[in-house]
Amino acid sequence: MINLVGISATDYSHLQFLDINRIDAHTQTGISTTVVTNRLSYFYNLLGPSFIIDTTCSSTLFSLNCACQRIRSGESRSALCGTVNLMMFPDITIGFSNIGVLSPDGQCKAFDASANGYVRSESAGVILQKPLFDAQRNGCRILVDIRGTATYSNGKMELQMASLSEEQQVWLFDRVLRESNVFPSEVNYVEAHGREKERPIVVGSVKSNVGHLEPAAGIVSLIKVAYALKHNLIPPTISAHTLNPQIDMKALILKITTQIQSQPAAANENQPRTGTVSAFEFRETNVSLIVFKAKVRLVNVLRFWLYLDQALKHLY
């Protein structure tokens, strides 16, 4: 089993240096970010490679992309991917506040006209990936089938923090559609980003519910989409009261979920319900993936643990 952990901030390691009298022989090895994955490998006796990935907000989805590639190539038979985001010091929050990207009223108001920044949040999430055949043979309970993943880099950028251009986003989504062998009209739900041409596509964002989880943002979005597909229900984007006039919903043929609603029907009876998840890093690597709802024979390729306010409480 391969073990991958997305990691960005290193608040926990800073605790070790608050009192220089407590620095001992274990401090240097204990604060190394590589040890995060090694601890899991040690505890569970995982014999495959273990390593960290830091692409800030896309860390988890990029680790999942790497895991998918290794599984498809036959290098690994399973993968454990996860991320934890804890805010233990105010330093990073102060820095982002000075940049002007944080919401002064403490709300993530995705798609709303009054959107004024994001809210930093804490969470932990872990997923277990296996090839579909192995998961079925092992009698697991599958939540979703990951059909394809795609990545894209911003390249040269003039601004300190900038998102993908329209052309770049089109290229990224076109690539993930091709990798997944899915037509745009077959996508039922988009978590945060996307477009299609034939019928309104439902769009939502979990950030309005739990804030921006930074390196863990992608995994929480994936967990939301997995359970939305499983239960055929889409949770509301609670912040979208007055839609942003700069987003032309009619021209883009989009529909924002402001109340809990049923999943749109599949494009055809042979096509399972389909969702897409994206994670955009503020400087470089961006990731998008497409998942299918598991078929009737439910097995557990992805087993999720999501702890929000109680994240890793037993460690403190």
C-alpha atoms as a PDB file:
ATOM      1  CA  MET A   1       0.000   0.000   0.000  1.00  0.00           C
ATOM      2  CA  ILE A   2       1.239   3.451  -0.920  1.00  0.00           C
ATOM      3  CA  ASN A   3       0.809   6.143   1.724  1.00  0.00           C
ATOM      4  CA  LEU A   4       0.450   9.801   0.661  1.00  0.00           C
ATOM      5  CA  VAL A   5      -0.304  12.816   2.833  1.00  0.00           C
ATOM      6  CA  GLY A   6      -0.980  16.342   1.634  1.00  0.00           C
ATOM      7  CA  ILE A   7       0.698  18.903   3.857  1.00  0.00           C
ATOM      8  CA  SER A   8       1.139  22.653   3.714  1.00  0.00           C
ATOM      9  CA  ALA A   9       1.479  24.602   6.969  1.00  0.00           C
ATOM     10  CA  THR A  10       3.738  23.276   9.739  1.00  0.00           C
ATOM     11  CA  ASP A  11       2.110  24.777  12.828  1.00  0.00           C
ATOM     12  CA  TYR A  12       2.575  21.637  14.901  1.00  0.00           C
ATOM     13  CA  SER A  13       6.350  21.582  14.426  1.00  0.00           C
ATOM     14  CA  HIS A  14       6.571  25.162  15.728  1.00  0.00           C
ATOM     15  CA  LEU A  15       5.325  23.950  19.091  1.00  0.00           C
ATOM     16  CA  GLN A  16       8.589  22.103  19.586  1.00  0.00           C
ATOM     17  CA  PHE A  17      10.582  25.344  19.622  1.00  0.00           C
ATOM     18  CA  LEU A  18       8.474  27.430  21.971  1.00  0.00           C
ATOM     19  CA  ASP A  19      10.689  26.313  24.843  1.00  0.00           C
ATOM     20  CA  ILE A  20      14.304  25.637  23.859  1.00  0.00           C
ATOM     21  CA  ASN A  21      14.789  23.665  27.065  1.00  0.00           C
ATOM     22  CA  ARG A  22      12.426  21.005  25.725  1.00  0.00           C
ATOM     23  CA  ILE A  23      14.427  20.362  22.546  1.00  0.00           C
ATOM     24  CA  ASP A  24      15.876  16.864  22.758  1.00  0.00           C
ATOM     25  CA  ALA A  25      17.244  14.085  20.568  1.00  0.00           C
ATOM     26  CA  HIS A  26      13.792  13.379  19.086  1.00  0.00           C
ATOM     27  CA  THR A  27      12.922  16.944  18.081  1.00  0.00           C
ATOM     28  CA  GLN A  28      14.586  17.120  14.664  1.00  0.00           C
ATOM     29  CA  THR A  29      13.218  13.811  13.422  1.00  0.00           C
ATOM     30  CA  GLY A  30       9.856  14.532  15.002  1.00  0.00           C
ATOM     31  CA  ILE A  31       9.268  17.815  13.156  1.00  0.00           C
ATOM     32  CA  SER A  32      10.296  16.602   9.701  1.00  0.00           C
ATOM     33  CA  THR A  33       7.232  16.682   7.438  1.00  0.00           C
ATOM     34  CA  THR A  34       8.231  13.349   5.898  1.00  0.00           C
ATOM     35  CA  VAL A  35       7.654  11.715   9.276  1.00  0.00           C
ATOM     36  CA  VAL A  36       3.927  12.494   8.991  1.00  0.00           C
ATOM     37  CA  THR A  37       3.479   9.697   6.467  1.00  0.00           C
ATOM     38  CA  ASN A  38       6.157   7.509   8.049  1.00  0.00           C
ATOM     39  CA  ARG A  39       4.231   7.423  11.319  1.00  0.00           C
ATOM     40  CA  LEU A  40       1.214   5.971   9.517  1.00  0.00           C
ATOM     41  CA  SER A  41       3.368   3.423   7.731  1.00  0.00           C
ATOM     42  CA  TYR A  42       4.953   2.426  11.035  1.00  0.00           C
ATOM     43  CA  PHE A  43       1.669   2.187  12.934  1.00  0.00           C
ATOM     44  CA  TYR A  44      -0.124   0.146  10.261  1.00  0.00           C
ATOM     45  CA  ASN A  45       2.996  -1.658   8.983  1.00  0.00           C
ATOM     46  CA  LEU A  46       2.508  -0.332   5.451  1.00  0.00           C
ATOM     47  CA  LEU A  47       5.352  -1.537   3.233  1.00  0.00           C
ATOM     48  CA  GLY A  48       4.792   0.643   0.165  1.00  0.00           C
ATOM     49  CA  PRO A  49       6.353   4.070  -0.403  1.00  0.00           C
ATOM     50  CA  SER A  50       5.204   6.887   1.844  1.00  0.00           C
ATOM     51  CA  PHE A  51       5.697  10.554   1.018  1.00  0.00           C
ATOM     52  CA  ILE A  52       4.171  13.990   1.438  1.00  0.00           C
ATOM     53  CA  ILE A  53       2.820  16.322  -1.229  1.00  0.00           C
ATOM     54  CA  ASP A  54       2.633  20.083  -0.789  1.00  0.00           C
ATOM     55  CA  THR A  55       0.698  21.930  -3.455  1.00  0.00           C
ATOM     56  CA  THR A  56      -1.136  24.023  -0.831  1.00  0.00           C
ATOM     57  CA  CYS A  57      -4.903  23.960  -1.482  1.00  0.00           C
ATOM     58  CA  SER A  58      -4.689  21.114  -4.012  1.00  0.00           C
ATOM     59  CA  SER A  59      -2.419  18.895  -1.881  1.00  0.00           C
ATOM     60  CA  THR A  60      -4.940  16.127  -1.216  1.00  0.00           C
ATOM     61  CA  LEU A  61      -6.358  15.903  -4.712  1.00  0.00           C
ATOM     62  CA  PHE A  62      -2.858  15.920  -6.185  1.00  0.00           C
ATOM     63  CA  SER A  63      -1.850  13.072  -3.862  1.00  0.00           C
ATOM     64  CA  LEU A  64      -4.989  11.242  -4.987  1.00  0.00           C
ATOM     65  CA  ASN A  65      -3.993  11.861  -8.611  1.00  0.00           C
ATOM     66  CA  CYS A  66      -0.555  10.368  -7.934  1.00  0.00           C
ATOM     67  CA  ALA A  67      -2.139   7.377  -6.182  1.00  0.00           C
ATOM     68  CA  CYS A  68      -4.464   6.745  -9.134  1.00  0.00           C
ATOM     69  CA  GLN A  69      -1.516   6.757 -11.513  1.00  0.00           C
ATOM     70  CA  ARG A  70       0.419   4.241  -9.419  1.00  0.00           C
ATOM     71  CA  ILE A  71      -2.590   1.958  -9.060  1.00  0.00           C
ATOM     72  CA  ARG A  72      -3.352   2.059 -12.788  1.00  0.00           C
ATOM     73  CA  SER A  73       0.277   1.327 -13.658  1.00  0.00           C
ATOM     74  CA  GLY A  74       0.291  -1.671 -11.312  1.00  0.00           C
ATOM     75  CA  GLU A  75       3.002  -0.242  -9.032  1.00  0.00           C
ATOM     76  CA  SER A  76       0.597  -0.282  -6.064  1.00  0.00           C
ATOM     77  CA  ARG A  77      -2.538  -2.246  -5.259  1.00  0.00           C
ATOM     78  CA  SER A  78      -3.987   0.266  -2.805  1.00  0.00           C
ATOM     79  CA  ALA A  79      -3.372   3.755  -1.502  1.00  0.00           C
ATOM     80  CA  LEU A  80      -4.068   5.732   1.631  1.00  0.00           C
ATOM     81  CA  CYS A  81      -4.457   9.476   0.987  1.00  0.00           C
ATOM     82  CA  GLY A  82      -5.190  12.072   3.613  1.00  0.00           C
ATOM     83  CA  THR A  83      -4.693  15.548   4.972  1.00  0.00           C
ATOM     84  CA  VAL A  84      -5.015  17.331   8.291  1.00  0.00           C
ATOM     85  CA  ASN A  85      -5.272  21.105   8.626  1.00  0.00           C
ATOM     86  CA  LEU A  86      -4.827  22.597  12.082  1.00  0.00           C
ATOM     87  CA  MET A  87      -4.429  26.272  12.969  1.00  0.00           C
ATOM     88  CA  MET A  88      -2.314  26.451  16.098  1.00  0.00           C
ATOM     89  CA  PHE A  89      -0.756  29.892  15.664  1.00  0.00           C
ATOM     90  CA  PRO A  90      -2.124  33.184  14.293  1.00  0.00           C
ATOM     91  CA  ASP A  91       0.875  33.874  12.055  1.00  0.00           C
ATOM     92  CA  ILE A  92      -0.523  32.506   8.783  1.00  0.00           C
ATOM     93  CA  THR A  93      -3.917  34.072   9.416  1.00  0.00           C
ATOM     94  CA  ILE A  94      -2.249  37.453   9.970  1.00  0.00           C
ATOM     95  CA  GLY A  95      -0.289  37.031   6.747  1.00  0.00           C
ATOM     96  CA  PHE A  96      -3.354  36.208   4.647  1.00  0.00           C
ATOM     97  CA  SER A  97      -5.238  39.043   6.309  1.00  0.00           C
ATOM     98  CA  ASN A  98      -2.528  41.463   5.210  1.00  0.00           C
ATOM     99  CA  ILE A  99      -2.874  40.167   1.651  1.00  0.00           C
ATOM    100  CA  GLY A 100      -6.591  40.936   1.892  1.00  0.00           C
ATOM    101  CA  VAL A 101      -8.019  37.505   1.048  1.00  0.00           C
ATOM    102  CA  LEU A 102      -9.797  36.731   4.348  1.00  0.00           C
ATOM    103  CA  SER A 103     -13.443  37.553   4.992  1.00  0.00           C
ATOM    104  CA  PRO A 104     -13.744  40.302   7.639  1.00  0.00           C
ATOM    105  CA  ASP A 105     -17.147  38.988   8.741  1.00  0.00           C
ATOM    106  CA  GLY A 106     -15.972  35.378   9.035  1.00  0.00           C
ATOM    107  CA  GLN A 107     -18.089  33.815   6.298  1.00  0.00           C
ATOM    108  CA  CYS A 108     -17.338  32.002   3.040  1.00  0.00           C
ATOM    109  CA  LYS A 109     -20.067  33.324   0.748  1.00  0.00           C
ATOM    110  CA  ALA A 110     -19.494  31.336  -2.425  1.00  0.00           C
ATOM    111  CA  PHE A 111     -21.375  32.683  -5.471  1.00  0.00           C
ATOM    112  CA  ASP A 112     -22.967  35.483  -3.422  1.00  0.00           C
ATOM    113  CA  ALA A 113     -22.830  39.148  -4.400  1.00  0.00           C
ATOM    114  CA  SER A 114     -21.520  40.030  -0.930  1.00  0.00           C
ATOM    115  CA  ALA A 115     -18.580  37.595  -1.073  1.00  0.00           C
ATOM    116  CA  ASN A 116     -15.588  39.302   0.535  1.00  0.00           C
ATOM    117  CA  GLY A 117     -12.957  36.641   1.159  1.00  0.00           C
ATOM    118  CA  TYR A 118     -12.617  33.220   2.712  1.00  0.00           C
ATOM    119  CA  VAL A 119     -12.452  31.748   6.214  1.00  0.00           C
ATOM    120  CA  ARG A 120      -9.592  29.496   7.326  1.00  0.00           C
ATOM    121  CA  SER A 121     -10.843  26.218   8.800  1.00  0.00           C
ATOM    122  CA  GLU A 122      -9.619  22.981  10.346  1.00  0.00           C
ATOM    123  CA  SER A 123     -10.356  19.419   9.274  1.00  0.00           C
ATOM    124  CA  ALA A 124      -8.939  15.970   8.721  1.00  0.00           C
ATOM    125  CA  GLY A 125      -9.833  13.496   6.014  1.00  0.00           C
ATOM    126  CA  VAL A 126      -8.491  10.140   4.814  1.00  0.00           C
ATOM    127  CA  ILE A 127      -9.543   7.992   1.877  1.00  0.00           C
ATOM    128  CA  LEU A 128      -8.626   4.429   0.957  1.00  0.00           C
ATOM    129  CA  GLN A 129      -8.290   3.654  -2.753  1.00  0.00           C
ATOM    130  CA  LYS A 130      -8.263   0.256  -4.426  1.00  0.00           C
ATOM    131  CA  PRO A 131      -8.797  -1.031  -7.952  1.00  0.00           C
ATOM    132  CA  LEU A 132     -12.498  -1.696  -8.439  1.00  0.00           C
ATOM    133  CA  PHE A 133     -11.997  -5.438  -9.010  1.00  0.00           C
ATOM    134  CA  ASP A 134      -9.952  -5.814  -5.805  1.00  0.00           C
ATOM    135  CA  ALA A 135     -12.498  -3.881  -3.771  1.00  0.00           C
ATOM    136  CA  GLN A 136     -15.350  -6.034  -5.058  1.00  0.00           C
ATOM    137  CA  ARG A 137     -13.396  -9.229  -4.461  1.00  0.00           C
ATOM    138  CA  ASN A 138     -12.605  -8.132  -0.894  1.00  0.00           C
ATOM    139  CA  GLY A 139     -16.258  -7.379  -0.174  1.00  0.00           C
ATOM    140  CA  CYS A 140     -15.656  -3.695   0.444  1.00  0.00           C
ATOM    141  CA  ARG A 141     -18.398  -1.056   0.328  1.00  0.00           C
ATOM    142  CA  ILE A 142     -17.667   1.363  -2.517  1.00  0.00           C
ATOM    143  CA  LEU A 143     -18.923   4.917  -2.299  1.00  0.00           C
ATOM    144  CA  VAL A 144     -17.650   6.242  -5.620  1.00  0.00           C
ATOM    145  CA  ASP A 145     -15.668   5.114  -8.625  1.00  0.00           C
ATOM    146  CA  ILE A 146     -12.876   7.545  -9.560  1.00  0.00           C
ATOM    147  CA  ARG A 147     -13.063   7.652 -13.352  1.00  0.00           C
ATOM    148  CA  GLY A 148     -10.277  10.075 -14.188  1.00  0.00           C
ATOM    149  CA  THR A 149      -8.006  12.836 -12.939  1.00  0.00           C
ATOM    150  CA  ALA A 150      -6.171  15.715 -14.598  1.00  0.00           C
ATOM    151  CA  THR A 151      -3.653  18.337 -13.490  1.00  0.00           C
ATOM    152  CA  TYR A 152      -2.541  21.712 -14.784  1.00  0.00           C
ATOM    153  CA  SER A 153       0.093  24.271 -13.801  1.00  0.00           C
ATOM    154  CA  ASN A 154      -0.388  28.018 -13.962  1.00  0.00           C
ATOM    155  CA  GLY A 155       3.046  28.620 -15.486  1.00  0.00           C
ATOM    156  CA  LYS A 156       4.303  32.197 -15.397  1.00  0.00           C
ATOM    157  CA  MET A 157       2.059  34.484 -13.338  1.00  0.00           C
ATOM    158  CA  GLU A 158       2.319  38.208 -12.770  1.00  0.00           C
ATOM    159  CA  LEU A 159       0.121  38.332  -9.659  1.00  0.00           C
ATOM    160  CA  GLN A 160       1.028  36.918  -6.250  1.00  0.00           C
ATOM    161  CA  MET A 161      -2.272  35.037  -5.990  1.00  0.00           C
ATOM    162  CA  ALA A 162      -4.228  34.357  -9.179  1.00  0.00           C
ATOM    163  CA  SER A 163      -6.647  31.726 -10.427  1.00  0.00           C
ATOM    164  CA  LEU A 164      -6.629  29.935 -13.747  1.00  0.00           C
ATOM    165  CA  SER A 165      -7.750  31.915 -16.784  1.00  0.00           C
ATOM    166  CA  GLU A 166     -10.911  30.860 -18.587  1.00  0.00           C
ATOM    167  CA  GLU A 167      -8.838  29.161 -21.309  1.00  0.00           C
ATOM    168  CA  GLN A 168      -6.786  27.264 -18.727  1.00  0.00           C
ATOM    169  CA  GLN A 169      -9.891  26.048 -16.889  1.00  0.00           C
ATOM    170  CA  VAL A 170     -11.458  24.886 -20.160  1.00  0.00           C
ATOM    171  CA  TRP A 171      -8.258  22.959 -20.954  1.00  0.00           C
ATOM    172  CA  LEU A 172      -8.216  21.324 -17.498  1.00  0.00           C
ATOM    173  CA  PHE A 173     -11.859  20.239 -17.598  1.00  0.00           C
ATOM    174  CA  ASP A 174     -11.568  19.059 -21.185  1.00  0.00           C
ATOM    175  CA  ARG A 175      -8.639  16.891 -20.187  1.00  0.00           C
ATOM    176  CA  VAL A 176     -10.376  15.320 -17.185  1.00  0.00           C
ATOM    177  CA  LEU A 177     -13.457  14.639 -19.326  1.00  0.00           C
ATOM    178  CA  ARG A 178     -11.303  12.878 -21.901  1.00  0.00           C
ATOM    179  CA  GLU A 179      -9.413  10.938 -19.231  1.00  0.00           C
ATOM    180  CA  SER A 180     -12.760   9.810 -17.780  1.00  0.00           C
ATOM    181  CA  ASN A 181     -14.387   9.101 -21.163  1.00  0.00           C
ATOM    182  CA  VAL A 182     -17.296  11.346 -20.152  1.00  0.00           C
ATOM    183  CA  PHE A 183     -19.198  13.927 -22.213  1.00  0.00           C
ATOM    184  CA  PRO A 184     -19.886  17.336 -20.614  1.00  0.00           C
ATOM    185  CA  SER A 185     -23.627  16.662 -20.800  1.00  0.00           C
ATOM    186  CA  GLU A 186     -23.161  13.555 -18.625  1.00  0.00           C
ATOM    187  CA  VAL A 187     -21.913  15.508 -15.593  1.00  0.00           C
ATOM    188  CA  ASN A 188     -24.709  15.804 -12.997  1.00  0.00           C
ATOM    189  CA  TYR A 189     -22.990  17.895 -10.347  1.00  0.00           C
ATOM    190  CA  VAL A 190     -19.970  20.177 -10.072  1.00  0.00           C
ATOM    191  CA  GLU A 191     -18.362  20.992  -6.749  1.00  0.00           C
ATOM    192  CA  ALA A 192     -17.315  24.650  -7.057  1.00  0.00           C
ATOM    193  CA  HIS A 193     -16.316  24.859 -10.753  1.00  0.00           C
ATOM    194  CA  GLY A 194     -17.565  23.756 -14.205  1.00  0.00           C
ATOM    195  CA  ARG A 195     -19.727  24.330 -17.247  1.00  0.00           C
ATOM    196  CA  GLU A 196     -21.748  22.465 -19.869  1.00  0.00           C
ATOM    197  CA  LYS A 197     -23.878  23.325 -22.850  1.00  0.00           C
ATOM    198  CA  GLU A 198     -27.020  21.203 -23.074  1.00  0.00           C
ATOM    199  CA  ARG A 199     -28.874  21.418 -19.751  1.00  0.00           C
ATOM    200  CA  PRO A 200     -28.400  23.327 -16.490  1.00  0.00           C
ATOM    201  CA  ILE A 201     -25.661  21.844 -14.376  1.00  0.00           C
ATOM    202  CA  VAL A 202     -25.948  21.981 -10.606  1.00  0.00           C
ATOM    203  CA  VAL A 203     -23.050  23.719  -8.872  1.00  0.00           C
ATOM    204  CA  GLY A 204     -22.260  24.008  -5.168  1.00  0.00           C
ATOM    205  CA  SER A 205     -19.430  24.647  -2.731  1.00  0.00           C
ATOM    206  CA  VAL A 206     -18.800  23.031   0.635  1.00  0.00           C
ATOM    207  CA  LYS A 207     -16.748  26.075   1.624  1.00  0.00           C
ATOM    208  CA  SER A 208     -19.964  27.889   2.503  1.00  0.00           C
ATOM    209  CA  ASN A 209     -20.642  25.162   5.080  1.00  0.00           C
ATOM    210  CA  VAL A 210     -17.213  24.531   6.603  1.00  0.00           C
ATOM    211  CA  GLY A 211     -14.920  27.287   5.344  1.00  0.00           C
ATOM    212  CA  HIS A 212     -11.728  26.874   3.335  1.00  0.00           C
ATOM    213  CA  LEU A 213      -9.742  23.929   4.628  1.00  0.00           C
ATOM    214  CA  GLU A 214      -6.602  24.786   2.642  1.00  0.00           C
ATOM    215  CA  PRO A 215      -4.587  21.568   2.000  1.00  0.00           C
ATOM    216  CA  ALA A 216      -7.626  19.525   3.120  1.00  0.00           C
ATOM    217  CA  ALA A 217     -10.073  21.441   0.906  1.00  0.00           C
ATOM    218  CA  GLY A 218     -10.027  18.872  -1.886  1.00  0.00           C
ATOM    219  CA  ILE A 219     -10.632  15.845   0.294  1.00  0.00           C
ATOM    220  CA  VAL A 220     -13.621  17.418   2.040  1.00  0.00           C
ATOM    221  CA  SER A 221     -15.091  18.375  -1.340  1.00  0.00           C
ATOM    222  CA  LEU A 222     -14.621  14.787  -2.508  1.00  0.00           C
ATOM    223  CA  ILE A 223     -16.270  13.426   0.633  1.00  0.00           C
ATOM    224  CA  LYS A 224     -19.244  15.731   0.070  1.00  0.00           C
ATOM    225  CA  VAL A 225     -19.651  14.668  -3.550  1.00  0.00           C
ATOM    226  CA  ALA A 226     -19.279  10.978  -2.677  1.00  0.00           C
ATOM    227  CA  TYR A 227     -22.094  11.086  -0.150  1.00  0.00           C
ATOM    228  CA  ALA A 228     -24.210  13.349  -2.359  1.00  0.00           C
ATOM    229  CA  LEU A 229     -24.006  10.718  -5.102  1.00  0.00           C
ATOM    230  CA  LYS A 230     -24.621   7.895  -2.635  1.00  0.00           C
ATOM    231  CA  HIS A 231     -27.809   9.456  -1.228  1.00  0.00           C
ATOM    232  CA  ASN A 232     -28.927  11.176  -4.469  1.00  0.00           C
ATOM    233  CA  LEU A 233     -29.122  14.461  -2.560  1.00  0.00           C
ATOM    234  CA  ILE A 234     -27.123  17.681  -2.939  1.00  0.00           C
ATOM    235  CA  PRO A 235     -26.524  19.784   0.210  1.00  0.00           C
ATOM    236  CA  PRO A 236     -27.238  23.507  -0.127  1.00  0.00           C
ATOM    237  CA  THR A 237     -24.644  26.197  -0.627  1.00  0.00           C
ATOM    238  CA  ILE A 238     -25.861  28.194   2.346  1.00  0.00           C
ATOM    239  CA  SER A 239     -24.197  31.493   1.457  1.00  0.00           C
ATOM    240  CA  ALA A 240     -25.794  32.112  -1.932  1.00  0.00           C
ATOM    241  CA  HIS A 241     -28.632  34.482  -1.052  1.00  0.00           C
ATOM    242  CA  THR A 242     -28.134  37.117  -3.750  1.00  0.00           C
ATOM    243  CA  LEU A 243     -26.200  35.613  -6.638  1.00  0.00           C
ATOM    244  CA  ASN A 244     -23.126  37.480  -7.813  1.00  0.00           C
ATOM    245  CA  PRO A 245     -24.164  39.551 -10.845  1.00  0.00           C
ATOM    246  CA  GLN A 246     -20.740  38.974 -12.404  1.00  0.00           C
ATOM    247  CA  ILE A 247     -21.665  35.302 -12.861  1.00  0.00           C
ATOM    248  CA  ASP A 248     -24.060  35.001 -15.790  1.00  0.00           C
ATOM    249  CA  MET A 249     -25.942  31.889 -14.717  1.00  0.00           C
ATOM    250  CA  LYS A 250     -28.208  31.908 -17.774  1.00  0.00           C
ATOM    251  CA  ALA A 251     -25.365  32.183 -20.278  1.00  0.00           C
ATOM    252  CA  LEU A 252     -23.295  29.542 -18.489  1.00  0.00           C
ATOM    253  CA  ILE A 253     -26.369  27.339 -17.962  1.00  0.00           C
ATOM    254  CA  LEU A 254     -25.617  26.882 -14.256  1.00  0.00           C
ATOM    255  CA  LYS A 255     -27.851  26.334 -11.248  1.00  0.00           C
ATOM    256  CA  ILE A 256     -26.656  27.018  -7.692  1.00  0.00           C
ATOM    257  CA  THR A 257     -27.988  24.740  -4.945  1.00  0.00           C
ATOM    258  CA  THR A 258     -29.463  27.036  -2.308  1.00  0.00           C
ATOM    259  CA  GLN A 259     -31.669  24.315  -0.787  1.00  0.00           C
ATOM    260  CA  ILE A 260     -31.176  20.598  -0.392  1.00  0.00           C
ATOM    261  CA  GLN A 261     -32.304  18.940  -3.595  1.00  0.00           C
ATOM    262  CA  SER A 262     -32.321  15.619  -5.384  1.00  0.00           C
ATOM    263  CA  GLN A 263     -29.489  14.733  -7.709  1.00  0.00           C
ATOM    264  CA  PRO A 264     -30.311  15.451 -11.357  1.00  0.00           C
ATOM    265  CA  ALA A 265     -31.101  12.348 -13.354  1.00  0.00           C
ATOM    266  CA  ALA A 266     -28.278  10.755 -15.299  1.00  0.00           C
ATOM    267  CA  ALA A 267     -27.919  11.746 -18.939  1.00  0.00           C
ATOM    268  CA  ASN A 268     -29.050   8.268 -19.967  1.00  0.00           C
ATOM    269  CA  GLU A 269     -30.256   5.172 -18.140  1.00  0.00           C
ATOM    270  CA  ASN A 270     -26.952   3.362 -18.650  1.00  0.00           C
ATOM    271  CA  GLN A 271     -24.894   6.241 -17.265  1.00  0.00           C
ATOM    272  CA  PRO A 272     -24.367   6.408 -13.475  1.00  0.00           C
ATOM    273  CA  ARG A 273     -24.707   9.769 -11.765  1.00  0.00           C
ATOM    274  CA  THR A 274     -21.508  11.737 -12.187  1.00  0.00           C
ATOM    275  CA  GLY A 275     -19.787  14.459 -10.179  1.00  0.00           C
ATOM    276  CA  THR A 276     -16.618  16.482 -10.553  1.00  0.00           C
ATOM    277  CA  VAL A 277     -14.318  17.954  -7.917  1.00  0.00           C
ATOM    278  CA  SER A 278     -11.535  20.499  -8.395  1.00  0.00           C
ATOM    279  CA  ALA A 279      -8.837  22.072  -6.251  1.00  0.00           C
ATOM    280  CA  PHE A 280      -6.968  25.162  -7.414  1.00  0.00           C
ATOM    281  CA  GLU A 281      -3.667  26.072  -5.785  1.00  0.00           C
ATOM    282  CA  PHE A 282      -2.912  29.791  -5.561  1.00  0.00           C
ATOM    283  CA  ARG A 283       0.351  29.582  -7.520  1.00  0.00           C
ATOM    284  CA  GLU A 284       0.881  26.341  -9.362  1.00  0.00           C
ATOM    285  CA  THR A 285      -0.670  22.845  -9.499  1.00  0.00           C
ATOM    286  CA  ASN A 286      -4.415  22.543 -10.094  1.00  0.00           C
ATOM    287  CA  VAL A 287      -6.325  19.258 -10.060  1.00  0.00           C
ATOM    288  CA  SER A 288      -9.714  18.108 -11.306  1.00  0.00           C
ATOM    289  CA  LEU A 289     -11.316  14.659 -11.081  1.00  0.00           C
ATOM    290  CA  ILE A 290     -14.542  12.939 -12.093  1.00  0.00           C
ATOM    291  CA  VAL A 291     -16.305  10.304  -9.999  1.00  0.00           C
ATOM    292  CA  PHE A 292     -19.220   7.976 -10.691  1.00  0.00           C
ATOM    293  CA  LYS A 293     -21.805   6.851  -8.187  1.00  0.00           C
ATOM    294  CA  ALA A 294     -21.128   3.266  -7.146  1.00  0.00           C
ATOM    295  CA  LYS A 295     -23.358   0.677  -8.801  1.00  0.00           C
ATOM    296  CA  VAL A 296     -25.794  -1.548  -6.934  1.00  0.00           C
ATOM    297  CA  ARG A 297     -23.041  -3.848  -5.738  1.00  0.00           C
ATOM    298  CA  LEU A 298     -21.781  -1.514  -3.014  1.00  0.00           C
ATOM    299  CA  VAL A 299     -18.295  -2.104  -1.734  1.00  0.00           C
ATOM    300  CA  ASN A 300     -15.936   0.210   0.087  1.00  0.00           C
ATOM    301  CA  VAL A 301     -13.142   1.524  -2.159  1.00  0.00           C
ATOM    302  CA  LEU A 302     -13.248   4.824  -0.327  1.00  0.00           C
ATOM    303  CA  ARG A 303     -13.806   4.791   3.394  1.00  0.00           C
ATOM    304  CA  PHE A 304     -13.954   8.259   4.800  1.00  0.00           C
ATOM    305  CA  TRP A 305     -13.243   9.733   8.180  1.00  0.00           C
ATOM    306  CA  LEU A 306     -14.152  13.384   8.451  1.00  0.00           C
ATOM    307  CA  TYR A 307     -13.517  15.265  11.673  1.00  0.00           C
ATOM    308  CA  LEU A 308     -14.240  18.997  11.608  1.00  0.00           C
ATOM    309  CA  ASP A 309     -14.363  20.665  15.012  1.00  0.00           C
ATOM    310  CA  GLN A 310     -13.171  17.467  16.707  1.00  0.00           C
ATOM    311  CA  ALA A 311     -10.211  16.884  14.377  1.00  0.00           C
ATOM    312  CA  LEU A 312      -7.642  14.683  16.083  1.00  0.00           C
ATOM    313  CA  LYS A 313      -8.937  15.758  19.492  1.00  0.00           C
ATOM    314  CA  HIS A 314      -7.525  12.610  21.072  1.00  0.00           C
ATOM    315  CA  LEU A 315      -3.983  13.814  20.384  1.00  0.00           C
ATOM    316  CA  TYR A 316      -4.234  16.845  22.672  1.00  0.00           C
END
